[in-house]
PDB file of N, CA and C in Angstrom:
ATOM      1  N   MET A   1     -71.877 -77.407 -29.789  1.00  0.00           N
ATOM      2  CA  MET A   1     -71.271 -76.316 -30.460  1.00  0.00           C
ATOM      3  C   MET A   1     -71.089 -75.116 -29.553  1.00  0.00           C
ATOM      4  N   LYS A   2     -70.021 -74.454 -29.785  1.00  0.00           N
ATOM      5  CA  LYS A   2     -69.727 -73.273 -28.973  1.00  0.00           C
ATOM      6  C   LYS A   2     -70.267 -72.044 -29.642  1.00  0.00           C
ATOM      7  N   ARG A   3     -70.781 -71.229 -28.833  1.00  0.00           N
ATOM      8  CA  ARG A   3     -71.262 -69.949 -29.349  1.00  0.00           C
ATOM      9  C   ARG A   3     -70.216 -68.883 -29.118  1.00  0.00           C
ATOM     10  N   ARG A   4     -70.120 -68.016 -30.032  1.00  0.00           N
ATOM     11  CA  ARG A   4     -69.197 -66.889 -29.863  1.00  0.00           C
ATOM     12  C   ARG A   4     -69.961 -65.764 -29.211  1.00  0.00           C
ATOM     13  N   THR A   5     -69.335 -65.195 -28.199  1.00  0.00           N
ATOM     14  CA  THR A   5     -69.980 -64.092 -27.491  1.00  0.00           C
ATOM     15  C   THR A   5     -69.351 -62.754 -27.862  1.00  0.00           C
ATOM     16  N   GLY A   6     -68.525 -62.740 -28.783  1.00  0.00           N
ATOM     17  CA  GLY A   6     -67.878 -61.498 -29.174  1.00  0.00           C
ATOM     18  C   GLY A   6     -66.595 -61.238 -28.419  1.00  0.00           C
ATOM     19  N   ALA A   7     -66.152 -62.176 -27.638  1.00  0.00           N
ATOM     20  CA  ALA A   7     -64.916 -61.999 -26.888  1.00  0.00           C
ATOM     21  C   ALA A   7     -63.830 -62.817 -27.533  1.00  0.00           C
ATOM     22  N   GLY A   8     -63.659 -62.644 -28.786  1.00  0.00           N
ATOM     23  CA  GLY A   8     -62.685 -63.420 -29.522  1.00  0.00           C
ATOM     24  C   GLY A   8     -61.332 -62.758 -29.541  1.00  0.00           C
ATOM     25  N   PRO A   9     -60.468 -63.210 -30.399  1.00  0.00           N
ATOM     26  CA  PRO A   9     -59.105 -62.699 -30.491  1.00  0.00           C
ATOM     27  C   PRO A   9     -59.030 -61.214 -30.812  1.00  0.00           C
ATOM     28  N   SER A  10     -59.943 -60.675 -31.560  1.00  0.00           N
ATOM     29  CA  SER A  10     -59.867 -59.249 -31.868  1.00  0.00           C
ATOM     30  C   SER A  10     -60.206 -58.412 -30.646  1.00  0.00           C
ATOM     31  N   SER A  11     -61.071 -58.870 -29.769  1.00  0.00           N
ATOM     32  CA  SER A  11     -61.384 -58.172 -28.529  1.00  0.00           C
ATOM     33  C   SER A  11     -60.201 -58.154 -27.594  1.00  0.00           C
ATOM     34  N   ASP A  12     -59.504 -59.251 -27.518  1.00  0.00           N
ATOM     35  CA  ASP A  12     -58.314 -59.327 -26.658  1.00  0.00           C
ATOM     36  C   ASP A  12     -57.240 -58.347 -27.136  1.00  0.00           C
ATOM     37  N   ALA A  13     -57.078 -58.215 -28.422  1.00  0.00           N
ATOM     38  CA  ALA A  13     -56.079 -57.295 -28.967  1.00  0.00           C
ATOM     39  C   ALA A  13     -56.470 -55.854 -28.651  1.00  0.00           C
ATOM     40  N   GLU A  14     -57.751 -55.549 -28.757  1.00  0.00           N
ATOM     41  CA  GLU A  14     -58.202 -54.194 -28.439  1.00  0.00           C
ATOM     42  C   GLU A  14     -58.012 -53.888 -26.956  1.00  0.00           C
ATOM     43  N   ALA A  15     -58.331 -54.866 -26.091  1.00  0.00           N
ATOM     44  CA  ALA A  15     -58.166 -54.671 -24.653  1.00  0.00           C
ATOM     45  C   ALA A  15     -56.700 -54.508 -24.295  1.00  0.00           C
ATOM     46  N   GLY A  16     -55.825 -55.289 -24.930  1.00  0.00           N
ATOM     47  CA  GLY A  16     -54.387 -55.170 -24.664  1.00  0.00           C
ATOM     48  C   GLY A  16     -53.845 -53.826 -25.101  1.00  0.00           C
ATOM     49  N   GLY A  17     -54.318 -53.333 -26.241  1.00  0.00           N
ATOM     50  CA  GLY A  17     -53.895 -52.024 -26.738  1.00  0.00           C
ATOM     51  C   GLY A  17     -54.381 -50.902 -25.836  1.00  0.00           C
ATOM     52  N   MET A  18     -55.615 -51.044 -25.369  1.00  0.00           N
ATOM     53  CA  MET A  18     -56.175 -50.043 -24.469  1.00  0.00           C
ATOM     54  C   MET A  18     -55.413 -50.022 -23.145  1.00  0.00           C
ATOM     55  N   LEU A  19     -55.048 -51.220 -22.674  1.00  0.00           N
ATOM     56  CA  LEU A  19     -54.299 -51.325 -21.421  1.00  0.00           C
ATOM     57  C   LEU A  19     -52.935 -50.657 -21.562  1.00  0.00           C
ATOM     58  N   ARG A  20     -52.304 -50.833 -22.703  1.00  0.00           N
ATOM     59  CA  ARG A  20     -50.994 -50.199 -22.940  1.00  0.00           C
ATOM     60  C   ARG A  20     -51.127 -48.682 -22.942  1.00  0.00           C
ATOM     61  N   VAL A  21     -52.175 -48.171 -23.521  1.00  0.00           N
ATOM     62  CA  VAL A  21     -52.393 -46.729 -23.566  1.00  0.00           C
ATOM     63  C   VAL A  21     -52.593 -46.196 -22.142  1.00  0.00           C
ATOM     64  N   VAL A  22     -53.401 -46.886 -21.351  1.00  0.00           N
ATOM     65  CA  VAL A  22     -53.647 -46.461 -19.975  1.00  0.00           C
ATOM     66  C   VAL A  22     -52.358 -46.490 -19.174  1.00  0.00           C
ATOM     67  N   ILE A  23     -51.582 -47.554 -19.309  1.00  0.00           N
ATOM     68  CA  ILE A  23     -50.295 -47.653 -18.586  1.00  0.00           C
ATOM     69  C   ILE A  23     -49.355 -46.543 -19.041  1.00  0.00           C
ATOM     70  N   GLY A  24     -49.317 -46.254 -20.341  1.00  0.00           N
ATOM     71  CA  GLY A  24     -48.457 -45.182 -20.853  1.00  0.00           C
ATOM     72  C   GLY A  24     -48.853 -43.827 -20.290  1.00  0.00           C
ATOM     73  N   VAL A  25     -50.149 -43.559 -20.258  1.00  0.00           N
ATOM     74  CA  VAL A  25     -50.624 -42.286 -19.709  1.00  0.00           C
ATOM     75  C   VAL A  25     -50.281 -42.188 -18.226  1.00  0.00           C
ATOM     76  N   LEU A  26     -50.469 -43.264 -17.481  1.00  0.00           N
ATOM     77  CA  LEU A  26     -50.142 -43.252 -16.046  1.00  0.00           C
ATOM     78  C   LEU A  26     -48.649 -43.051 -15.815  1.00  0.00           C
ATOM     79  N   LEU A  27     -47.809 -43.666 -16.651  1.00  0.00           N
ATOM     80  CA  LEU A  27     -46.357 -43.460 -16.515  1.00  0.00           C
ATOM     81  C   LEU A  27     -45.975 -42.012 -16.815  1.00  0.00           C
ATOM     82  N   LEU A  28     -46.563 -41.440 -17.863  1.00  0.00           N
ATOM     83  CA  LEU A  28     -46.275 -40.032 -18.162  1.00  0.00           C
ATOM     84  C   LEU A  28     -46.720 -39.118 -17.018  1.00  0.00           C
ATOM     85  N   LEU A  29     -47.874 -39.409 -16.453  1.00  0.00           N
ATOM     86  CA  LEU A  29     -48.363 -38.632 -15.320  1.00  0.00           C
ATOM     87  C   LEU A  29     -47.429 -38.766 -14.132  1.00  0.00           C
ATOM     88  N   LEU A  30     -46.961 -39.979 -13.866  1.00  0.00           N
ATOM     89  CA  LEU A  30     -46.018 -40.209 -12.765  1.00  0.00           C
ATOM     90  C   LEU A  30     -44.716 -39.445 -12.990  1.00  0.00           C
ATOM     91  N   ILE A  31     -44.219 -39.469 -14.208  1.00  0.00           N
ATOM     92  CA  ILE A  31     -42.969 -38.751 -14.515  1.00  0.00           C
ATOM     93  C   ILE A  31     -43.177 -37.241 -14.345  1.00  0.00           C
ATOM     94  N   ALA A  32     -44.312 -36.736 -14.828  1.00  0.00           N
ATOM     95  CA  ALA A  32     -44.586 -35.301 -14.692  1.00  0.00           C
ATOM     96  C   ALA A  32     -44.673 -34.898 -13.228  1.00  0.00           C
ATOM     97  N   LEU A  33     -45.311 -35.713 -12.412  1.00  0.00           N
ATOM     98  CA  LEU A  33     -45.423 -35.393 -10.981  1.00  0.00           C
ATOM     99  C   LEU A  33     -44.066 -35.462 -10.286  1.00  0.00           C
ATOM    100  N   GLN A  34     -43.229 -36.413 -10.676  1.00  0.00           N
ATOM    101  CA  GLN A  34     -41.895 -36.511 -10.083  1.00  0.00           C
ATOM    102  C   GLN A  34     -41.043 -35.298 -10.448  1.00  0.00           C
ATOM    103  N   VAL A  35     -41.137 -34.875 -11.714  1.00  0.00           N
ATOM    104  CA  VAL A  35     -40.372 -33.699 -12.136  1.00  0.00           C
ATOM    105  C   VAL A  35     -40.817 -32.486 -11.333  1.00  0.00           C
ATOM    106  N   ARG A  36     -42.111 -32.330 -11.165  1.00  0.00           N
ATOM    107  CA  ARG A  36     -42.622 -31.194 -10.387  1.00  0.00           C
ATOM    108  C   ARG A  36     -42.187 -31.288  -8.932  1.00  0.00           C
ATOM    109  N   LEU A  37     -42.196 -32.497  -8.386  1.00  0.00           N
ATOM    110  CA  LEU A  37     -41.809 -32.684  -6.991  1.00  0.00           C
ATOM    111  C   LEU A  37     -40.362 -32.284  -6.767  1.00  0.00           C
ATOM    112  N   TRP A  38     -39.478 -32.571  -7.697  1.00  0.00           N
ATOM    113  CA  TRP A  38     -38.059 -32.316  -7.503  1.00  0.00           C
ATOM    114  C   TRP A  38     -37.611 -30.953  -8.003  1.00  0.00           C
ATOM    115  N   THR A  39     -38.340 -30.372  -8.975  1.00  0.00           N
ATOM    116  CA  THR A  39     -37.834 -29.125  -9.555  1.00  0.00           C
ATOM    117  C   THR A  39     -38.832 -27.981  -9.562  1.00  0.00           C
ATOM    118  N   GLY A  40     -40.098 -28.218  -9.494  1.00  0.00           N
ATOM    119  CA  GLY A  40     -41.104 -27.169  -9.667  1.00  0.00           C
ATOM    120  C   GLY A  40     -41.318 -26.335  -8.420  1.00  0.00           C
ATOM    121  N   LYS A  41     -42.336 -25.472  -8.524  1.00  0.00           N
ATOM    122  CA  LYS A  41     -42.695 -24.637  -7.392  1.00  0.00           C
ATOM    123  C   LYS A  41     -43.223 -25.538  -6.283  1.00  0.00           C
ATOM    124  N   GLY A  42     -42.736 -25.322  -5.072  1.00  0.00           N
ATOM    125  CA  GLY A  42     -43.129 -26.177  -3.955  1.00  0.00           C
ATOM    126  C   GLY A  42     -42.342 -27.479  -3.932  1.00  0.00           C
ATOM    127  N   SER A  43     -41.227 -27.519  -4.667  1.00  0.00           N
ATOM    128  CA  SER A  43     -40.411 -28.734  -4.709  1.00  0.00           C
ATOM    129  C   SER A  43     -39.706 -28.953  -3.384  1.00  0.00           C
ATOM    130  N   LEU A  44     -39.153 -30.120  -3.239  1.00  0.00           N
ATOM    131  CA  LEU A  44     -38.433 -30.437  -2.001  1.00  0.00           C
ATOM    132  C   LEU A  44     -37.247 -29.495  -1.795  1.00  0.00           C
ATOM    133  N   ALA A  45     -36.554 -29.151  -2.878  1.00  0.00           N
ATOM    134  CA  ALA A  45     -35.408 -28.231  -2.762  1.00  0.00           C
ATOM    135  C   ALA A  45     -35.870 -26.853  -2.291  1.00  0.00           C
ATOM    136  N   GLU A  46     -36.982 -26.380  -2.838  1.00  0.00           N
ATOM    137  CA  GLU A  46     -37.493 -25.068  -2.438  1.00  0.00           C
ATOM    138  C   GLU A  46     -37.965 -25.077  -0.987  1.00  0.00           C
ATOM    139  N   VAL A  47     -38.615 -26.156  -0.595  1.00  0.00           N
ATOM    140  CA  VAL A  47     -39.079 -26.269   0.796  1.00  0.00           C
ATOM    141  C   VAL A  47     -37.883 -26.261   1.742  1.00  0.00           C
ATOM    142  N   SER A  48     -36.830 -26.978   1.376  1.00  0.00           N
ATOM    143  CA  SER A  48     -35.624 -27.014   2.209  1.00  0.00           C
ATOM    144  C   SER A  48     -35.003 -25.624   2.328  1.00  0.00           C
ATOM    145  N   GLU A  49     -34.933 -24.894   1.210  1.00  0.00           N
ATOM    146  CA  GLU A  49     -34.369 -23.537   1.238  1.00  0.00           C
ATOM    147  C   GLU A  49     -35.223 -22.619   2.109  1.00  0.00           C
ATOM    148  N   LEU A  50     -36.535 -22.729   1.984  1.00  0.00           N
ATOM    149  CA  LEU A  50     -37.424 -21.884   2.784  1.00  0.00           C
ATOM    150  C   LEU A  50     -37.296 -22.202   4.273  1.00  0.00           C
ATOM    151  N   GLU A  51     -37.112 -23.467   4.610  1.00  0.00           N
ATOM    152  CA  GLU A  51     -36.920 -23.832   6.020  1.00  0.00           C
ATOM    153  C   GLU A  51     -35.633 -23.232   6.556  1.00  0.00           C
ATOM    154  N   GLN A  52     -34.568 -23.226   5.751  1.00  0.00           N
ATOM    155  CA  GLN A  52     -33.309 -22.621   6.178  1.00  0.00           C
ATOM    156  C   GLN A  52     -33.477 -21.119   6.370  1.00  0.00           C
ATOM    157  N   ARG A  53     -34.151 -20.457   5.437  1.00  0.00           N
ATOM    158  CA  ARG A  53     -34.375 -19.013   5.567  1.00  0.00           C
ATOM    159  C   ARG A  53     -35.229 -18.708   6.788  1.00  0.00           C
ATOM    160  N   LEU A  54     -36.204 -19.557   7.059  1.00  0.00           N
ATOM    161  CA  LEU A  54     -37.048 -19.376   8.239  1.00  0.00           C
ATOM    162  C   LEU A  54     -36.220 -19.483   9.514  1.00  0.00           C
ATOM    163  N   GLU A  55     -35.307 -20.438   9.567  1.00  0.00           N
ATOM    164  CA  GLU A  55     -34.461 -20.612  10.754  1.00  0.00           C
ATOM    165  C   GLU A  55     -33.558 -19.393  10.962  1.00  0.00           C
ATOM    166  N   VAL A  56     -33.029 -18.844   9.861  1.00  0.00           N
ATOM    167  CA  VAL A  56     -32.203 -17.629   9.952  1.00  0.00           C
ATOM    168  C   VAL A  56     -33.035 -16.467  10.499  1.00  0.00           C
ATOM    169  N   ARG A  57     -34.247 -16.327   9.997  1.00  0.00           N
ATOM    170  CA  ARG A  57     -35.134 -15.249  10.470  1.00  0.00           C
ATOM    171  C   ARG A  57     -35.479 -15.424  11.945  1.00  0.00           C
ATOM    172  N   ARG A  58     -35.731 -16.660  12.355  1.00  0.00           N
ATOM    173  CA  ARG A  58     -36.045 -16.905  13.765  1.00  0.00           C
ATOM    174  C   ARG A  58     -34.866 -16.534  14.658  1.00  0.00           C
ATOM    175  N   ALA A  59     -33.651 -16.882  14.229  1.00  0.00           N
ATOM    176  CA  ALA A  59     -32.459 -16.538  15.012  1.00  0.00           C
ATOM    177  C   ALA A  59     -32.299 -15.021  15.089  1.00  0.00           C
ATOM    178  N   GLU A  60     -32.524 -14.342  13.960  1.00  0.00           N
ATOM    179  CA  GLU A  60     -32.422 -12.879  13.937  1.00  0.00           C
ATOM    180  C   GLU A  60     -33.480 -12.257  14.846  1.00  0.00           C
ATOM    181  N   ASN A  61     -34.703 -12.785  14.811  1.00  0.00           N
ATOM    182  CA  ASN A  61     -35.764 -12.280  15.685  1.00  0.00           C
ATOM    183  C   ASN A  61     -35.403 -12.462  17.155  1.00  0.00           C
ATOM    184  N   GLN A  62     -34.830 -13.605  17.498  1.00  0.00           N
ATOM    185  CA  GLN A  62     -34.439 -13.856  18.888  1.00  0.00           C
ATOM    186  C   GLN A  62     -33.371 -12.862  19.334  1.00  0.00           C
ATOM    187  N   ARG A  63     -32.401 -12.597  18.436  1.00  0.00           N
ATOM    188  CA  ARG A  63     -31.347 -11.625  18.757  1.00  0.00           C
ATOM    189  C   ARG A  63     -31.958 -10.242  18.975  1.00  0.00           C
ATOM    190  N   LEU A  64     -32.905  -9.868  18.118  1.00  0.00           N
ATOM    191  CA  LEU A  64     -33.536  -8.553  18.245  1.00  0.00           C
ATOM    192  C   LEU A  64     -34.408  -8.462  19.498  1.00  0.00           C
ATOM    193  N   ILE A  65     -35.059  -9.541  19.870  1.00  0.00           N
ATOM    194  CA  ILE A  65     -35.848  -9.555  21.110  1.00  0.00           C
ATOM    195  C   ILE A  65     -34.941  -9.318  22.314  1.00  0.00           C
ATOM    196  N   GLU A  66     -33.791  -9.984  22.332  1.00  0.00           N
ATOM    197  CA  GLU A  66     -32.839  -9.798  23.434  1.00  0.00           C
ATOM    198  C   GLU A  66     -32.320  -8.362  23.457  1.00  0.00           C
ATOM    199  N   HIS A  67     -32.024  -7.812  22.284  1.00  0.00           N
ATOM    200  CA  HIS A  67     -31.529  -6.429  22.202  1.00  0.00           C
ATOM    201  C   HIS A  67     -32.601  -5.454  22.694  1.00  0.00           C
ATOM    202  N   ASN A  68     -33.843  -5.695  22.298  1.00  0.00           N
ATOM    203  CA  ASN A  68     -34.943  -4.837  22.758  1.00  0.00           C
ATOM    204  C   ASN A  68     -35.104  -4.907  24.272  1.00  0.00           C
ATOM    205  N   SER A  69     -34.907  -6.086  24.846  1.00  0.00           N
ATOM    206  CA  SER A  69     -35.002  -6.222  26.306  1.00  0.00           C
ATOM    207  C   SER A  69     -33.942  -5.375  27.001  1.00  0.00           C
ATOM    208  N   ILE A  70     -32.752  -5.375  26.449  1.00  0.00           N
ATOM    209  CA  ILE A  70     -31.660  -4.566  27.013  1.00  0.00           C
ATOM    210  C   ILE A  70     -32.020  -3.076  26.917  1.00  0.00           C
ATOM    211  N   LEU A  71     -32.521  -2.662  25.754  1.00  0.00           N
ATOM    212  CA  LEU A  71     -32.894  -1.259  25.582  1.00  0.00           C
ATOM    213  C   LEU A  71     -34.035  -0.863  26.513  1.00  0.00           C
ATOM    214  N   GLU A  72     -35.000  -1.746  26.701  1.00  0.00           N
ATOM    215  CA  GLU A  72     -36.105  -1.456  27.623  1.00  0.00           C
ATOM    216  C   GLU A  72     -35.592  -1.279  29.051  1.00  0.00           C
ATOM    217  N   ALA A  73     -34.629  -2.114  29.445  1.00  0.00           N
ATOM    218  CA  ALA A  73     -34.054  -1.991  30.783  1.00  0.00           C
ATOM    219  C   ALA A  73     -33.326  -0.656  30.933  1.00  0.00           C
ATOM    220  N   GLU A  74     -32.603  -0.236  29.895  1.00  0.00           N
ATOM    221  CA  GLU A  74     -31.914   1.048  29.946  1.00  0.00           C
ATOM    222  C   GLU A  74     -32.905   2.208  30.045  1.00  0.00           C
ATOM    223  N   VAL A  75     -33.968   2.160  29.283  1.00  0.00           N
ATOM    224  CA  VAL A  75     -34.981   3.222  29.320  1.00  0.00           C
ATOM    225  C   VAL A  75     -35.617   3.278  30.701  1.00  0.00           C
ATOM    226  N   ARG A  76     -35.946   2.116  31.251  1.00  0.00           N
ATOM    227  CA  ARG A  76     -36.545   2.066  32.589  1.00  0.00           C
ATOM    228  C   ARG A  76     -35.593   2.673  33.615  1.00  0.00           C
ATOM    229  N   ALA A  77     -34.305   2.331  33.510  1.00  0.00           N
ATOM    230  CA  ALA A  77     -33.320   2.863  34.454  1.00  0.00           C
ATOM    231  C   ALA A  77     -33.207   4.385  34.322  1.00  0.00           C
ATOM    232  N   LEU A  78     -33.216   4.882  33.098  1.00  0.00           N
ATOM    233  CA  LEU A  78     -33.107   6.329  32.896  1.00  0.00           C
ATOM    234  C   LEU A  78     -34.342   7.064  33.428  1.00  0.00           C
ATOM    235  N   LYS A  79     -35.507   6.446  33.312  1.00  0.00           N
ATOM    236  CA  LYS A  79     -36.730   7.091  33.794  1.00  0.00           C
ATOM    237  C   LYS A  79     -36.838   7.053  35.314  1.00  0.00           C
ATOM    238  N   GLU A  80     -36.375   5.968  35.932  1.00  0.00           N
ATOM    239  CA  GLU A  80     -36.619   5.765  37.361  1.00  0.00           C
ATOM    240  C   GLU A  80     -35.445   6.141  38.251  1.00  0.00           C
ATOM    241  N   ASP A  81     -34.220   6.145  37.726  1.00  0.00           N
ATOM    242  CA  ASP A  81     -33.045   6.362  38.562  1.00  0.00           C
ATOM    243  C   ASP A  81     -32.302   7.618  38.101  1.00  0.00           C
ATOM    244  N   PRO A  82     -32.368   8.700  38.894  1.00  0.00           N
ATOM    245  CA  PRO A  82     -31.675   9.936  38.492  1.00  0.00           C
ATOM    246  C   PRO A  82     -30.157   9.763  38.410  1.00  0.00           C
ATOM    247  N   ASP A  83     -29.602   8.910  39.255  1.00  0.00           N
ATOM    248  CA  ASP A  83     -28.149   8.688  39.198  1.00  0.00           C
ATOM    249  C   ASP A  83     -27.749   8.052  37.871  1.00  0.00           C
ATOM    250  N   SER A  84     -28.582   7.160  37.373  1.00  0.00           N
ATOM    251  CA  SER A  84     -28.317   6.532  36.080  1.00  0.00           C
ATOM    252  C   SER A  84     -28.359   7.572  34.967  1.00  0.00           C
ATOM    253  N   LEU A  85     -29.324   8.456  35.039  1.00  0.00           N
ATOM    254  CA  LEU A  85     -29.441   9.524  34.049  1.00  0.00           C
ATOM    255  C   LEU A  85     -28.212  10.435  34.099  1.00  0.00           C
ATOM    256  N   GLU A  86     -27.781  10.776  35.307  1.00  0.00           N
ATOM    257  CA  GLU A  86     -26.605  11.647  35.453  1.00  0.00           C
ATOM    258  C   GLU A  86     -25.350  10.956  34.922  1.00  0.00           C
ATOM    259  N   ALA A  87     -25.172   9.700  35.242  1.00  0.00           N
ATOM    260  CA  ALA A  87     -23.993   8.961  34.768  1.00  0.00           C
ATOM    261  C   ALA A  87     -23.967   8.914  33.242  1.00  0.00           C
ATOM    262  N   ARG A  88     -25.128   8.716  32.645  1.00  0.00           N
ATOM    263  CA  ARG A  88     -25.205   8.674  31.182  1.00  0.00           C
ATOM    264  C   ARG A  88     -24.863  10.037  30.589  1.00  0.00           C
ATOM    265  N   ALA A  89     -25.374  11.106  31.196  1.00  0.00           N
ATOM    266  CA  ALA A  89     -25.097  12.455  30.705  1.00  0.00           C
ATOM    267  C   ALA A  89     -23.610  12.780  30.827  1.00  0.00           C
ATOM    268  N   ARG A  90     -22.996  12.355  31.901  1.00  0.00           N
ATOM    269  CA  ARG A  90     -21.568  12.621  32.091  1.00  0.00           C
ATOM    270  C   ARG A  90     -20.715  11.838  31.088  1.00  0.00           C
ATOM    271  N   SER A  91     -21.008  10.551  30.942  1.00  0.00           N
ATOM    272  CA  SER A  91     -20.143   9.714  30.105  1.00  0.00           C
ATOM    273  C   SER A  91     -20.353   9.960  28.610  1.00  0.00           C
ATOM    274  N   GLU A  92     -21.612  10.099  28.174  1.00  0.00           N
ATOM    275  CA  GLU A  92     -21.855  10.204  26.746  1.00  0.00           C
ATOM    276  C   GLU A  92     -21.889  11.641  26.233  1.00  0.00           C
ATOM    277  N   LEU A  93     -22.314  12.566  27.068  1.00  0.00           N
ATOM    278  CA  LEU A  93     -22.448  13.941  26.615  1.00  0.00           C
ATOM    279  C   LEU A  93     -21.381  14.869  27.187  1.00  0.00           C
ATOM    280  N   GLY A  94     -20.584  14.374  28.129  1.00  0.00           N
ATOM    281  CA  GLY A  94     -19.527  15.190  28.711  1.00  0.00           C
ATOM    282  C   GLY A  94     -20.055  16.305  29.594  1.00  0.00           C
ATOM    283  N   MET A  95     -21.225  16.141  30.158  1.00  0.00           N
ATOM    284  CA  MET A  95     -21.822  17.189  30.993  1.00  0.00           C
ATOM    285  C   MET A  95     -21.230  17.165  32.397  1.00  0.00           C
ATOM    286  N   ILE A  96     -21.247  18.345  33.027  1.00  0.00           N
ATOM    287  CA  ILE A  96     -20.799  18.459  34.415  1.00  0.00           C
ATOM    288  C   ILE A  96     -21.866  19.213  35.193  1.00  0.00           C
ATOM    289  N   ARG A  97     -21.815  19.048  36.515  1.00  0.00           N
ATOM    290  CA  ARG A  97     -22.789  19.745  37.351  1.00  0.00           C
ATOM    291  C   ARG A  97     -22.422  21.223  37.467  1.00  0.00           C
ATOM    292  N   GLU A  98     -23.412  21.992  37.821  1.00  0.00           N
ATOM    293  CA  GLU A  98     -23.177  23.408  38.039  1.00  0.00           C
ATOM    294  C   GLU A  98     -22.257  23.550  39.257  1.00  0.00           C
ATOM    295  N   GLY A  99     -21.234  24.374  39.132  1.00  0.00           N
ATOM    296  CA  GLY A  99     -20.296  24.593  40.226  1.00  0.00           C
ATOM    297  C   GLY A  99     -19.085  23.664  40.166  1.00  0.00           C
ATOM    298  N   GLU A 100     -19.133  22.619  39.337  1.00  0.00           N
ATOM    299  CA  GLU A 100     -17.974  21.733  39.212  1.00  0.00           C
ATOM    300  C   GLU A 100     -16.983  22.340  38.237  1.00  0.00           C
ATOM    301  N   THR A 101     -15.727  21.991  38.444  1.00  0.00           N
ATOM    302  CA  THR A 101     -14.686  22.435  37.527  1.00  0.00           C
ATOM    303  C   THR A 101     -14.150  21.212  36.802  1.00  0.00           C
ATOM    304  N   PHE A 102     -14.056  21.320  35.516  1.00  0.00           N
ATOM    305  CA  PHE A 102     -13.606  20.198  34.701  1.00  0.00           C
ATOM    306  C   PHE A 102     -12.119  20.345  34.435  1.00  0.00           C
ATOM    307  N   PHE A 103     -11.381  19.305  34.735  1.00  0.00           N
ATOM    308  CA  PHE A 103      -9.948  19.267  34.464  1.00  0.00           C
ATOM    309  C   PHE A 103      -9.691  18.123  33.498  1.00  0.00           C
ATOM    310  N   MET A 104      -8.992  18.438  32.416  1.00  0.00           N
ATOM    311  CA  MET A 104      -8.611  17.389  31.477  1.00  0.00           C
ATOM    312  C   MET A 104      -7.122  17.162  31.621  1.00  0.00           C
ATOM    313  N   VAL A 105      -6.749  15.945  31.922  1.00  0.00           N
ATOM    314  CA  VAL A 105      -5.339  15.606  32.076  1.00  0.00           C
ATOM    315  C   VAL A 105      -4.863  15.022  30.762  1.00  0.00           C
ATOM    316  N   VAL A 106      -3.901  15.700  30.170  1.00  0.00           N
ATOM    317  CA  VAL A 106      -3.363  15.257  28.887  1.00  0.00           C
ATOM    318  C   VAL A 106      -2.008  14.629  29.157  1.00  0.00           C
ATOM    319  N   PRO A 107      -1.778  13.431  28.716  1.00  0.00           N
ATOM    320  CA  PRO A 107      -0.471  12.809  28.950  1.00  0.00           C
ATOM    321  C   PRO A 107       0.628  13.561  28.189  1.00  0.00           C
ATOM    322  N   ARG A 108       1.797  13.631  28.838  1.00  0.00           N
ATOM    323  CA  ARG A 108       2.932  14.310  28.217  1.00  0.00           C
ATOM    324  C   ARG A 108       3.498  13.456  27.117  1.00  0.00           C
ATOM    325  N   LYS A 109       4.002  14.176  26.128  1.00  0.00           N
ATOM    326  CA  LYS A 109       4.738  13.454  25.100  1.00  0.00           C
ATOM    327  C   LYS A 109       6.127  13.251  25.653  1.00  0.00           C
ATOM    328  N   GLU A 110       6.573  12.030  25.616  1.00  0.00           N
ATOM    329  CA  GLU A 110       7.911  11.757  26.156  1.00  0.00           C
ATOM    330  C   GLU A 110       8.949  12.121  25.116  1.00  0.00           C
ATOM    331  N   ALA A 111      10.085  12.642  25.615  1.00  0.00           N
ATOM    332  CA  ALA A 111      11.182  13.007  24.722  1.00  0.00           C
ATOM    333  C   ALA A 111      11.760  11.738  24.125  1.00  0.00           C
ATOM    334  N   PRO A 112      12.198  11.813  22.902  1.00  0.00           N
ATOM    335  CA  PRO A 112      12.779  10.610  22.297  1.00  0.00           C
ATOM    336  C   PRO A 112      14.013  10.177  23.076  1.00  0.00           C
ATOM    337  N   VAL A 113      14.121   8.909  23.278  1.00  0.00           N
ATOM    338  CA  VAL A 113      15.250   8.360  24.037  1.00  0.00           C
ATOM    339  C   VAL A 113      16.440   8.271  23.109  1.00  0.00           C
ATOM    340  N   SER A 114      17.579   8.825  23.576  1.00  0.00           N
ATOM    341  CA  SER A 114      18.776   8.783  22.733  1.00  0.00           C
ATOM    342  C   SER A 114      19.521   7.483  22.994  1.00  0.00           C
ATOM    343  N   ALA A 115      20.290   7.094  22.031  1.00  0.00           N
ATOM    344  CA  ALA A 115      21.053   5.846  22.156  1.00  0.00           C
ATOM    345  C   ALA A 115      22.132   6.033  23.216  1.00  0.00           C
ATOM    346  N   PRO A 116      22.497   4.979  23.940  1.00  0.00           N
ATOM    347  CA  PRO A 116      23.478   5.109  25.019  1.00  0.00           C
ATOM    348  C   PRO A 116      24.851   5.559  24.546  1.00  0.00           C
ATOM    349  N   ASP A 117      25.193   5.299  23.301  1.00  0.00           N
ATOM    350  CA  ASP A 117      26.527   5.665  22.815  1.00  0.00           C
ATOM    351  C   ASP A 117      26.645   7.146  22.502  1.00  0.00           C
ATOM    352  N   GLU A 118      25.534   7.780  22.219  1.00  0.00           N
ATOM    353  CA  GLU A 118      25.562   9.179  21.830  1.00  0.00           C
ATOM    354  C   GLU A 118      25.632  10.078  23.077  1.00  0.00           C
ATOM    355  N   PRO A 119      26.487  11.062  23.042  1.00  0.00           N
ATOM    356  CA  PRO A 119      26.526  11.998  24.177  1.00  0.00           C
ATOM    357  C   PRO A 119      25.301  12.910  24.124  1.00  0.00           C
ATOM    358  N   ARG A 120      24.831  13.244  25.286  1.00  0.00           N
ATOM    359  CA  ARG A 120      23.674  14.134  25.381  1.00  0.00           C
ATOM    360  C   ARG A 120      24.110  15.568  25.174  1.00  0.00           C
ATOM    361  N   SER A 121      23.324  16.294  24.479  1.00  0.00           N
ATOM    362  CA  SER A 121      23.639  17.711  24.296  1.00  0.00           C
ATOM    363  C   SER A 121      22.945  18.468  25.419  1.00  0.00           C
ATOM    364  N   GLU A 122      23.707  19.343  26.045  1.00  0.00           N
ATOM    365  CA  GLU A 122      23.153  20.079  27.182  1.00  0.00           C
ATOM    366  C   GLU A 122      23.155  21.537  26.945  1.00  0.00           C
TER     367      GLU A 122
END
């Protein structure tokens, strides 16, 4: 005779039902994590956008570093080279040395050219 150990048909049904519940919960968890991965904070789209913004900032920083280097060279030249300082004062500020005379040459306005058929009035 066989003894029943309590693992009969009703136990199998309970185990199958429990397994379905566990699988359902795991699927819901997987779906929730996928939604967060694609749309939530820290999503792939947001990471991609942040990487693009970072690259733009890096390019801007590089441009500003180069510009600062140029300005530093100009400052050094102005501090160390008196001729550079004088040239800058002349070109940007219109300064002249003591004893120099400034002449401004203004181009003449040309008289309107008359048509060849018209006689000139004298």
